[in-house]
Amino acid sequence: FSYNKTDGLADNNIRALLQDSKNNLWIGTSVGISNFNGV
C-alpha cells in the first residue's frame, strides 16, 4: 500500500522512518517531515 505527495505526503523522496509510542509514523523527507496517523 503506497502513499505519495498525492495522498498528502510532504515529498516522495523519503530519507527516514520512525514509529512513536502512539503508533504515528514519522517520515523524514527531502523537504520536511510528515506525520502519518494511519488516516
PDB file of all heavy atoms in Angstrom:
ATOM      1  N   PHE A   1       0.875  -1.162   0.000  1.00  0.00           N
ATOM      2  CA  PHE A   1       0.000   0.000   0.000  1.00  0.00           C
ATOM      3  C   PHE A   1       0.913   1.213   0.000  1.00  0.00           C
ATOM      4  O   PHE A   1       1.698   1.393   0.931  1.00  0.00           O
ATOM      5  CB  PHE A   1      -0.904   0.005   1.236  1.00  0.00           C
ATOM      6  CG  PHE A   1      -1.784  -1.204   1.334  1.00  0.00           C
ATOM      7  CD1 PHE A   1      -1.361  -2.333   2.017  1.00  0.00           C
ATOM      8  CD2 PHE A   1      -3.020  -1.210   0.711  1.00  0.00           C
ATOM      9  CE1 PHE A   1      -2.167  -3.462   2.099  1.00  0.00           C
ATOM     10  CE2 PHE A   1      -3.843  -2.332   0.788  1.00  0.00           C
ATOM     11  CZ  PHE A   1      -3.407  -3.455   1.479  1.00  0.00           C
ATOM     12  N   SER A   2       0.835   2.034  -1.035  1.00  0.00           N
ATOM     13  CA  SER A   2       1.774   3.134  -1.194  1.00  0.00           C
ATOM     14  C   SER A   2       1.108   4.485  -0.988  1.00  0.00           C
ATOM     15  O   SER A   2      -0.069   4.675  -1.303  1.00  0.00           O
ATOM     16  CB  SER A   2       2.405   3.080  -2.586  1.00  0.00           C
ATOM     17  OG  SER A   2       3.137   1.883  -2.726  1.00  0.00           O
ATOM     18  N   TYR A   3       1.893   5.415  -0.454  1.00  0.00           N
ATOM     19  CA  TYR A   3       1.459   6.781  -0.207  1.00  0.00           C
ATOM     20  C   TYR A   3       2.500   7.720  -0.797  1.00  0.00           C
ATOM     21  O   TYR A   3       3.704   7.478  -0.658  1.00  0.00           O
ATOM     22  CB  TYR A   3       1.330   7.041   1.294  1.00  0.00           C
ATOM     23  CG  TYR A   3       0.436   6.057   2.008  1.00  0.00           C
ATOM     24  CD1 TYR A   3       0.967   4.901   2.578  1.00  0.00           C
ATOM     25  CD2 TYR A   3      -0.935   6.268   2.099  1.00  0.00           C
ATOM     26  CE1 TYR A   3       0.149   3.990   3.231  1.00  0.00           C
ATOM     27  CE2 TYR A   3      -1.763   5.360   2.749  1.00  0.00           C
ATOM     28  CZ  TYR A   3      -1.209   4.226   3.310  1.00  0.00           C
ATOM     29  OH  TYR A   3      -2.019   3.322   3.947  1.00  0.00           O
ATOM     30  N   ASN A   4       2.026   8.803  -1.434  1.00  0.00           N
ATOM     31  CA  ASN A   4       2.938   9.774  -2.015  1.00  0.00           C
ATOM     32  C   ASN A   4       2.372  11.181  -1.853  1.00  0.00           C
ATOM     33  O   ASN A   4       1.432  11.387  -1.084  1.00  0.00           O
ATOM     34  CB  ASN A   4       3.246   9.434  -3.480  1.00  0.00           C
ATOM     35  CG  ASN A   4       1.998   9.348  -4.320  1.00  0.00           C
ATOM     36  OD1 ASN A   4       1.061  10.133  -4.154  1.00  0.00           O
ATOM     37  ND2 ASN A   4       1.970   8.392  -5.227  1.00  0.00           N
ATOM     38  N   LYS A   5       2.940  12.142  -2.577  1.00  0.00           N
ATOM     39  CA  LYS A   5       2.504  13.537  -2.455  1.00  0.00           C
ATOM     40  C   LYS A   5       1.012  13.698  -2.745  1.00  0.00           C
ATOM     41  O   LYS A   5       0.340  14.519  -2.122  1.00  0.00           O
ATOM     42  CB  LYS A   5       3.326  14.433  -3.393  1.00  0.00           C
ATOM     43  CG  LYS A   5       4.713  14.714  -2.879  1.00  0.00           C
ATOM     44  CD  LYS A   5       5.493  15.601  -3.829  1.00  0.00           C
ATOM     45  CE  LYS A   5       4.931  17.003  -3.795  1.00  0.00           C
ATOM     46  NZ  LYS A   5       5.779  17.967  -4.504  1.00  0.00           N
ATOM     47  N   THR A   6       0.491  12.918  -3.644  1.00  0.00           N
ATOM     48  CA  THR A   6      -0.935  12.984  -3.975  1.00  0.00           C
ATOM     49  C   THR A   6      -1.796  12.659  -2.758  1.00  0.00           C
ATOM     50  O   THR A   6      -2.890  13.202  -2.596  1.00  0.00           O
ATOM     51  CB  THR A   6      -1.260  12.007  -5.124  1.00  0.00           C
ATOM     52  OG1 THR A   6      -0.413  12.286  -6.226  1.00  0.00           O
ATOM     53  CG2 THR A   6      -2.703  12.111  -5.555  1.00  0.00           C
ATOM     54  N   ASP A   7      -1.293  11.806  -1.873  1.00  0.00           N
ATOM     55  CA  ASP A   7      -2.018  11.415  -0.664  1.00  0.00           C
ATOM     56  C   ASP A   7      -1.795  12.379   0.501  1.00  0.00           C
ATOM     57  O   ASP A   7      -2.401  12.211   1.565  1.00  0.00           O
ATOM     58  CB  ASP A   7      -1.595  10.009  -0.234  1.00  0.00           C
ATOM     59  CG  ASP A   7      -1.861   8.989  -1.317  1.00  0.00           C
ATOM     60  OD1 ASP A   7      -3.033   8.850  -1.720  1.00  0.00           O
ATOM     61  OD2 ASP A   7      -0.895   8.331  -1.768  1.00  0.00           O
ATOM     62  N   GLY A   8      -0.899  13.359   0.324  1.00  0.00           N
ATOM     63  CA  GLY A   8      -0.634  14.333   1.370  1.00  0.00           C
ATOM     64  C   GLY A   8       0.760  14.293   1.944  1.00  0.00           C
ATOM     65  O   GLY A   8       1.108  15.107   2.805  1.00  0.00           O
ATOM     66  N   LEU A   9       1.580  13.373   1.512  1.00  0.00           N
ATOM     67  CA  LEU A   9       2.963  13.284   1.964  1.00  0.00           C
ATOM     68  C   LEU A   9       3.726  14.530   1.516  1.00  0.00           C
ATOM     69  O   LEU A   9       3.478  15.053   0.426  1.00  0.00           O
ATOM     70  CB  LEU A   9       3.583  12.019   1.358  1.00  0.00           C
ATOM     71  CG  LEU A   9       4.927  11.526   1.847  1.00  0.00           C
ATOM     72  CD1 LEU A   9       4.891  11.196   3.334  1.00  0.00           C
ATOM     73  CD2 LEU A   9       5.332  10.285   1.064  1.00  0.00           C
ATOM     74  N   ALA A  10       4.649  15.022   2.339  1.00  0.00           N
ATOM     75  CA  ALA A  10       5.387  16.251   2.023  1.00  0.00           C
ATOM     76  C   ALA A  10       6.212  16.111   0.744  1.00  0.00           C
ATOM     77  O   ALA A  10       6.312  17.054  -0.038  1.00  0.00           O
ATOM     78  CB  ALA A  10       6.295  16.644   3.182  1.00  0.00           C
ATOM     79  N   ASP A  11       6.814  14.965   0.528  1.00  0.00           N
ATOM     80  CA  ASP A  11       7.657  14.747  -0.643  1.00  0.00           C
ATOM     81  C   ASP A  11       7.764  13.251  -0.899  1.00  0.00           C
ATOM     82  O   ASP A  11       7.540  12.446   0.004  1.00  0.00           O
ATOM     83  CB  ASP A  11       9.047  15.363  -0.423  1.00  0.00           C
ATOM     84  CG  ASP A  11       9.854  15.430  -1.697  1.00  0.00           C
ATOM     85  OD1 ASP A  11       9.381  16.046  -2.672  1.00  0.00           O
ATOM     86  OD2 ASP A  11      10.963  14.863  -1.727  1.00  0.00           O
ATOM     87  N   ASN A  12       8.115  12.869  -2.103  1.00  0.00           N
ATOM     88  CA  ASN A  12       8.243  11.451  -2.462  1.00  0.00           C
ATOM     89  C   ASN A  12       9.624  10.883  -2.201  1.00  0.00           C
ATOM     90  O   ASN A  12       9.831   9.682  -2.345  1.00  0.00           O
ATOM     91  CB  ASN A  12       7.861  11.239  -3.925  1.00  0.00           C
ATOM     92  CG  ASN A  12       6.378  11.425  -4.157  1.00  0.00           C
ATOM     93  OD1 ASN A  12       5.570  11.255  -3.252  1.00  0.00           O
ATOM     94  ND2 ASN A  12       6.018  11.787  -5.364  1.00  0.00           N
ATOM     95  N   ASN A  13      10.584  11.730  -1.841  1.00  0.00           N
ATOM     96  CA  ASN A  13      11.937  11.268  -1.516  1.00  0.00           C
ATOM     97  C   ASN A  13      12.030  11.083  -0.006  1.00  0.00           C
ATOM     98  O   ASN A  13      12.131  12.045   0.747  1.00  0.00           O
ATOM     99  CB  ASN A  13      12.989  12.261  -2.001  1.00  0.00           C
ATOM    100  CG  ASN A  13      13.010  12.360  -3.509  1.00  0.00           C
ATOM    101  OD1 ASN A  13      13.085  11.335  -4.177  1.00  0.00           O
ATOM    102  ND2 ASN A  13      12.932  13.563  -4.035  1.00  0.00           N
ATOM    103  N   ILE A  14      12.004   9.832   0.431  1.00  0.00           N
ATOM    104  CA  ILE A  14      11.962   9.503   1.854  1.00  0.00           C
ATOM    105  C   ILE A  14      13.365   9.147   2.329  1.00  0.00           C
ATOM    106  O   ILE A  14      14.062   8.351   1.706  1.00  0.00           O
ATOM    107  CB  ILE A  14      11.008   8.313   2.121  1.00  0.00           C
ATOM    108  CG1 ILE A  14       9.649   8.542   1.458  1.00  0.00           C
ATOM    109  CG2 ILE A  14      10.885   8.066   3.620  1.00  0.00           C
ATOM    110  CD1 ILE A  14       8.942   9.814   1.845  1.00  0.00           C
ATOM    111  N   ARG A  15      13.766   9.731   3.460  1.00  0.00           N
ATOM    112  CA  ARG A  15      15.110   9.506   3.995  1.00  0.00           C
ATOM    113  C   ARG A  15      15.108   8.781   5.339  1.00  0.00           C
ATOM    114  O   ARG A  15      16.085   8.150   5.701  1.00  0.00           O
ATOM    115  CB  ARG A  15      15.843  10.836   4.141  1.00  0.00           C
ATOM    116  CG  ARG A  15      16.014  11.586   2.832  1.00  0.00           C
ATOM    117  CD  ARG A  15      16.921  10.791   1.896  1.00  0.00           C
ATOM    118  NE  ARG A  15      17.073  11.459   0.610  1.00  0.00           N
ATOM    119  CZ  ARG A  15      16.595  11.004  -0.527  1.00  0.00           C
ATOM    120  NH1 ARG A  15      15.895   9.892  -0.550  1.00  0.00           N
ATOM    121  NH2 ARG A  15      16.803  11.637  -1.649  1.00  0.00           N
ATOM    122  N   ALA A  16      14.012   8.878   6.121  1.00  0.00           N
ATOM    123  CA  ALA A  16      13.993   8.256   7.444  1.00  0.00           C
ATOM    124  C   ALA A  16      12.563   7.913   7.844  1.00  0.00           C
ATOM    125  O   ALA A  16      11.621   8.585   7.430  1.00  0.00           O
ATOM    126  CB  ALA A  16      14.606   9.204   8.469  1.00  0.00           C
ATOM    127  N   LEU A  17      12.419   6.874   8.652  1.00  0.00           N
ATOM    128  CA  LEU A  17      11.120   6.440   9.168  1.00  0.00           C
ATOM    129  C   LEU A  17      11.249   6.126  10.651  1.00  0.00           C
ATOM    130  O   LEU A  17      12.261   5.584  11.099  1.00  0.00           O
ATOM    131  CB  LEU A  17      10.640   5.182   8.442  1.00  0.00           C
ATOM    132  CG  LEU A  17      10.337   5.309   6.958  1.00  0.00           C
ATOM    133  CD1 LEU A  17      10.148   3.931   6.334  1.00  0.00           C
ATOM    134  CD2 LEU A  17       9.103   6.164   6.738  1.00  0.00           C
ATOM    135  N   LEU A  18      10.187   6.472  11.401  1.00  0.00           N
ATOM    136  CA  LEU A  18      10.157   6.188  12.827  1.00  0.00           C
ATOM    137  C   LEU A  18       8.708   6.043  13.260  1.00  0.00           C
ATOM    138  O   LEU A  18       7.843   6.801  12.824  1.00  0.00           O
ATOM    139  CB  LEU A  18      10.802   7.335  13.615  1.00  0.00           C
ATOM    140  CG  LEU A  18      10.696   7.222  15.134  1.00  0.00           C
ATOM    141  CD1 LEU A  18      11.880   6.446  15.675  1.00  0.00           C
ATOM    142  CD2 LEU A  18      10.627   8.589  15.771  1.00  0.00           C
ATOM    143  N   GLN A  19       8.436   5.086  14.136  1.00  0.00           N
ATOM    144  CA  GLN A  19       7.105   4.957  14.718  1.00  0.00           C
ATOM    145  C   GLN A  19       7.202   5.355  16.182  1.00  0.00           C
ATOM    146  O   GLN A  19       8.060   4.863  16.914  1.00  0.00           O
ATOM    147  CB  GLN A  19       6.573   3.531  14.587  1.00  0.00           C
ATOM    148  CG  GLN A  19       5.144   3.400  15.077  1.00  0.00           C
ATOM    149  CD  GLN A  19       4.596   1.990  14.938  1.00  0.00           C
ATOM    150  OE1 GLN A  19       5.320   1.012  15.075  1.00  0.00           O
ATOM    151  NE2 GLN A  19       3.314   1.882  14.660  1.00  0.00           N
ATOM    152  N   ASP A  20       6.301   6.256  16.618  1.00  0.00           N
ATOM    153  CA  ASP A  20       6.338   6.712  18.006  1.00  0.00           C
ATOM    154  C   ASP A  20       5.472   5.829  18.906  1.00  0.00           C
ATOM    155  O   ASP A  20       4.850   4.858  18.447  1.00  0.00           O
ATOM    156  CB  ASP A  20       5.956   8.200  18.114  1.00  0.00           C
ATOM    157  CG  ASP A  20       4.512   8.506  17.755  1.00  0.00           C
ATOM    158  OD1 ASP A  20       3.652   7.590  17.767  1.00  0.00           O
ATOM    159  OD2 ASP A  20       4.231   9.687  17.467  1.00  0.00           O
ATOM    160  N   SER A  21       5.410   6.171  20.195  1.00  0.00           N
ATOM    161  CA  SER A  21       4.683   5.356  21.168  1.00  0.00           C
ATOM    162  C   SER A  21       3.174   5.378  20.947  1.00  0.00           C
ATOM    163  O   SER A  21       2.454   4.524  21.469  1.00  0.00           O
ATOM    164  CB  SER A  21       4.994   5.841  22.583  1.00  0.00           C
ATOM    165  OG  SER A  21       4.586   7.192  22.733  1.00  0.00           O
ATOM    166  N   LYS A  22       2.668   6.345  20.174  1.00  0.00           N
ATOM    167  CA  LYS A  22       1.237   6.424  19.865  1.00  0.00           C
ATOM    168  C   LYS A  22       0.919   5.801  18.502  1.00  0.00           C
ATOM    169  O   LYS A  22      -0.156   6.014  17.957  1.00  0.00           O
ATOM    170  CB  LYS A  22       0.771   7.875  19.903  1.00  0.00           C
ATOM    171  CG  LYS A  22       0.897   8.491  21.281  1.00  0.00           C
ATOM    172  CD  LYS A  22       0.443   9.933  21.272  1.00  0.00           C
ATOM    173  CE  LYS A  22       0.622  10.531  22.657  1.00  0.00           C
ATOM    174  NZ  LYS A  22       0.277  11.941  22.684  1.00  0.00           N
ATOM    175  N   ASN A  23       1.878   5.070  17.944  1.00  0.00           N
ATOM    176  CA  ASN A  23       1.760   4.373  16.661  1.00  0.00           C
ATOM    177  C   ASN A  23       1.692   5.314  15.454  1.00  0.00           C
ATOM    178  O   ASN A  23       1.293   4.898  14.368  1.00  0.00           O
ATOM    179  CB  ASN A  23       0.573   3.406  16.640  1.00  0.00           C
ATOM    180  CG  ASN A  23       0.736   2.302  17.647  1.00  0.00           C
ATOM    181  OD1 ASN A  23       1.853   1.914  17.968  1.00  0.00           O
ATOM    182  ND2 ASN A  23      -0.355   1.807  18.158  1.00  0.00           N
ATOM    183  N   ASN A  24       2.067   6.581  15.638  1.00  0.00           N
ATOM    184  CA  ASN A  24       2.172   7.501  14.500  1.00  0.00           C
ATOM    185  C   ASN A  24       3.468   7.224  13.765  1.00  0.00           C
ATOM    186  O   ASN A  24       4.487   6.922  14.384  1.00  0.00           O
ATOM    187  CB  ASN A  24       2.172   8.962  14.967  1.00  0.00           C
ATOM    188  CG  ASN A  24       0.850   9.350  15.585  1.00  0.00           C
ATOM    189  OD1 ASN A  24      -0.192   9.150  14.985  1.00  0.00           O
ATOM    190  ND2 ASN A  24       0.902   9.900  16.783  1.00  0.00           N
ATOM    191  N   LEU A  25       3.420   7.341  12.464  1.00  0.00           N
ATOM    192  CA  LEU A  25       4.609   7.161  11.644  1.00  0.00           C
ATOM    193  C   LEU A  25       5.175   8.536  11.301  1.00  0.00           C
ATOM    194  O   LEU A  25       4.465   9.397  10.774  1.00  0.00           O
ATOM    195  CB  LEU A  25       4.253   6.404  10.352  1.00  0.00           C
ATOM    196  CG  LEU A  25       5.412   6.038   9.444  1.00  0.00           C
ATOM    197  CD1 LEU A  25       6.336   5.033  10.125  1.00  0.00           C
ATOM    198  CD2 LEU A  25       4.891   5.464   8.142  1.00  0.00           C
ATOM    199  N   TRP A  26       6.442   8.748  11.637  1.00  0.00           N
ATOM    200  CA  TRP A  26       7.141   9.986  11.309  1.00  0.00           C
ATOM    201  C   TRP A  26       8.028   9.697  10.110  1.00  0.00           C
ATOM    202  O   TRP A  26       8.803   8.739  10.112  1.00  0.00           O
ATOM    203  CB  TRP A  26       7.955  10.476  12.498  1.00  0.00           C
ATOM    204  CG  TRP A  26       7.084  10.932  13.624  1.00  0.00           C
ATOM    205  CD1 TRP A  26       6.586  10.165  14.632  1.00  0.00           C
ATOM    206  CD2 TRP A  26       6.579  12.249  13.811  1.00  0.00           C
ATOM    207  NE1 TRP A  26       5.800  10.934  15.451  1.00  0.00           N
ATOM    208  CE2 TRP A  26       5.781  12.224  14.981  1.00  0.00           C
ATOM    209  CE3 TRP A  26       6.721  13.460  13.114  1.00  0.00           C
ATOM    210  CZ2 TRP A  26       5.133  13.348  15.463  1.00  0.00           C
ATOM    211  CZ3 TRP A  26       6.083  14.577  13.608  1.00  0.00           C
ATOM    212  CH2 TRP A  26       5.293  14.514  14.766  1.00  0.00           C
ATOM    213  N   ILE A  27       7.893  10.534   9.088  1.00  0.00           N
ATOM    214  CA  ILE A  27       8.548  10.291   7.810  1.00  0.00           C
ATOM    215  C   ILE A  27       9.440  11.480   7.487  1.00  0.00           C
ATOM    216  O   ILE A  27       8.954  12.598   7.281  1.00  0.00           O
ATOM    217  CB  ILE A  27       7.499  10.094   6.701  1.00  0.00           C
ATOM    218  CG1 ILE A  27       6.537   8.966   7.102  1.00  0.00           C
ATOM    219  CG2 ILE A  27       8.162   9.821   5.368  1.00  0.00           C
ATOM    220  CD1 ILE A  27       5.236   8.974   6.344  1.00  0.00           C
ATOM    221  N   GLY A  28      10.737  11.251   7.454  1.00  0.00           N
ATOM    222  CA  GLY A  28      11.688  12.296   7.078  1.00  0.00           C
ATOM    223  C   GLY A  28      11.836  12.315   5.569  1.00  0.00           C
ATOM    224  O   GLY A  28      12.227  11.330   4.958  1.00  0.00           O
ATOM    225  N   THR A  29      11.481  13.448   4.957  1.00  0.00           N
ATOM    226  CA  THR A  29      11.588  13.584   3.504  1.00  0.00           C
ATOM    227  C   THR A  29      12.703  14.564   3.170  1.00  0.00           C
ATOM    228  O   THR A  29      13.314  15.152   4.058  1.00  0.00           O
ATOM    229  CB  THR A  29      10.263  14.091   2.889  1.00  0.00           C
ATOM    230  OG1 THR A  29      10.119  15.482   3.172  1.00  0.00           O
ATOM    231  CG2 THR A  29       9.068  13.319   3.429  1.00  0.00           C
ATOM    232  N   SER A  30      12.928  14.795   1.911  1.00  0.00           N
ATOM    233  CA  SER A  30      13.976  15.722   1.486  1.00  0.00           C
ATOM    234  C   SER A  30      13.568  17.181   1.655  1.00  0.00           C
ATOM    235  O   SER A  30      14.412  18.070   1.534  1.00  0.00           O
ATOM    236  CB  SER A  30      14.377  15.440   0.038  1.00  0.00           C
ATOM    237  OG  SER A  30      13.249  15.561  -0.803  1.00  0.00           O
ATOM    238  N   VAL A  31      12.281  17.459   1.961  1.00  0.00           N
ATOM    239  CA  VAL A  31      11.837  18.852   2.129  1.00  0.00           C
ATOM    240  C   VAL A  31      11.228  19.121   3.503  1.00  0.00           C
ATOM    241  O   VAL A  31      10.850  20.258   3.792  1.00  0.00           O
ATOM    242  CB  VAL A  31      10.824  19.274   1.035  1.00  0.00           C
ATOM    243  CG1 VAL A  31      11.440  19.172  -0.339  1.00  0.00           C
ATOM    244  CG2 VAL A  31       9.548  18.467   1.129  1.00  0.00           C
ATOM    245  N   GLY A  32      11.089  18.115   4.345  1.00  0.00           N
ATOM    246  CA  GLY A  32      10.492  18.308   5.656  1.00  0.00           C
ATOM    247  C   GLY A  32      10.118  16.980   6.280  1.00  0.00           C
ATOM    248  O   GLY A  32      10.589  15.924   5.865  1.00  0.00           O
ATOM    249  N   ILE A  33       9.237  17.062   7.268  1.00  0.00           N
ATOM    250  CA  ILE A  33       8.812  15.868   7.991  1.00  0.00           C
ATOM    251  C   ILE A  33       7.300  15.705   7.839  1.00  0.00           C
ATOM    252  O   ILE A  33       6.554  16.675   7.948  1.00  0.00           O
ATOM    253  CB  ILE A  33       9.176  15.976   9.479  1.00  0.00           C
ATOM    254  CG1 ILE A  33      10.695  16.045   9.638  1.00  0.00           C
ATOM    255  CG2 ILE A  33       8.605  14.800  10.271  1.00  0.00           C
ATOM    256  CD1 ILE A  33      11.150  16.325  11.046  1.00  0.00           C
ATOM    257  N   SER A  34       6.863  14.491   7.608  1.00  0.00           N
ATOM    258  CA  SER A  34       5.435  14.174   7.567  1.00  0.00           C
ATOM    259  C   SER A  34       5.104  13.263   8.726  1.00  0.00           C
ATOM    260  O   SER A  34       5.892  12.381   9.082  1.00  0.00           O
ATOM    261  CB  SER A  34       5.061  13.477   6.258  1.00  0.00           C
ATOM    262  OG  SER A  34       5.196  14.328   5.163  1.00  0.00           O
ATOM    263  N   ASN A  35       3.937  13.480   9.306  1.00  0.00           N
ATOM    264  CA  ASN A  35       3.422  12.619  10.352  1.00  0.00           C
ATOM    265  C   ASN A  35       2.175  11.934   9.812  1.00  0.00           C
ATOM    266  O   ASN A  35       1.274  12.591   9.303  1.00  0.00           O
ATOM    267  CB  ASN A  35       3.077  13.448  11.599  1.00  0.00           C
ATOM    268  CG  ASN A  35       2.441  12.601  12.669  1.00  0.00           C
ATOM    269  OD1 ASN A  35       1.231  12.427  12.682  1.00  0.00           O
ATOM    270  ND2 ASN A  35       3.256  12.078  13.547  1.00  0.00           N
ATOM    271  N   PHE A  36       2.144  10.606   9.903  1.00  0.00           N
ATOM    272  CA  PHE A  36       1.004   9.834   9.409  1.00  0.00           C
ATOM    273  C   PHE A  36       0.366   9.116  10.587  1.00  0.00           C
ATOM    274  O   PHE A  36       1.004   8.310  11.265  1.00  0.00           O
ATOM    275  CB  PHE A  36       1.463   8.831   8.351  1.00  0.00           C
ATOM    276  CG  PHE A  36       0.359   8.045   7.722  1.00  0.00           C
ATOM    277  CD1 PHE A  36      -0.666   8.679   7.034  1.00  0.00           C
ATOM    278  CD2 PHE A  36       0.358   6.664   7.786  1.00  0.00           C
ATOM    279  CE1 PHE A  36      -1.686   7.947   6.432  1.00  0.00           C
ATOM    280  CE2 PHE A  36      -0.646   5.927   7.183  1.00  0.00           C
ATOM    281  CZ  PHE A  36      -1.674   6.569   6.513  1.00  0.00           C
ATOM    282  N   ASN A  37      -0.910   9.411  10.857  1.00  0.00           N
ATOM    283  CA  ASN A  37      -1.617   8.814  11.987  1.00  0.00           C
ATOM    284  C   ASN A  37      -2.408   7.572  11.596  1.00  0.00           C
ATOM    285  O   ASN A  37      -3.200   7.067  12.379  1.00  0.00           O
ATOM    286  CB  ASN A  37      -2.545   9.843  12.636  1.00  0.00           C
ATOM    287  CG  ASN A  37      -3.640  10.335  11.700  1.00  0.00           C
ATOM    288  OD1 ASN A  37      -3.851   9.796  10.618  1.00  0.00           O
ATOM    289  ND2 ASN A  37      -4.317  11.382  12.107  1.00  0.00           N
ATOM    290  N   GLY A  38      -2.202   7.090  10.387  1.00  0.00           N
ATOM    291  CA  GLY A  38      -2.925   5.931   9.890  1.00  0.00           C
ATOM    292  C   GLY A  38      -4.069   6.306   8.975  1.00  0.00           C
ATOM    293  O   GLY A  38      -4.606   5.464   8.263  1.00  0.00           O
ATOM    294  N   VAL A  39      -4.437   7.600   8.997  1.00  0.00           N
ATOM    295  CA  VAL A  39      -5.533   8.094   8.168  1.00  0.00           C
ATOM    296  C   VAL A  39      -5.082   9.243   7.281  1.00  0.00           C
ATOM    297  O   VAL A  39      -5.342   9.258   6.084  1.00  0.00           O
ATOM    298  CB  VAL A  39      -6.719   8.562   9.054  1.00  0.00           C
ATOM    299  CG1 VAL A  39      -7.833   9.144   8.207  1.00  0.00           C
ATOM    300  CG2 VAL A  39      -7.228   7.426   9.919  1.00  0.00           C
TER     301      VAL A  39
END
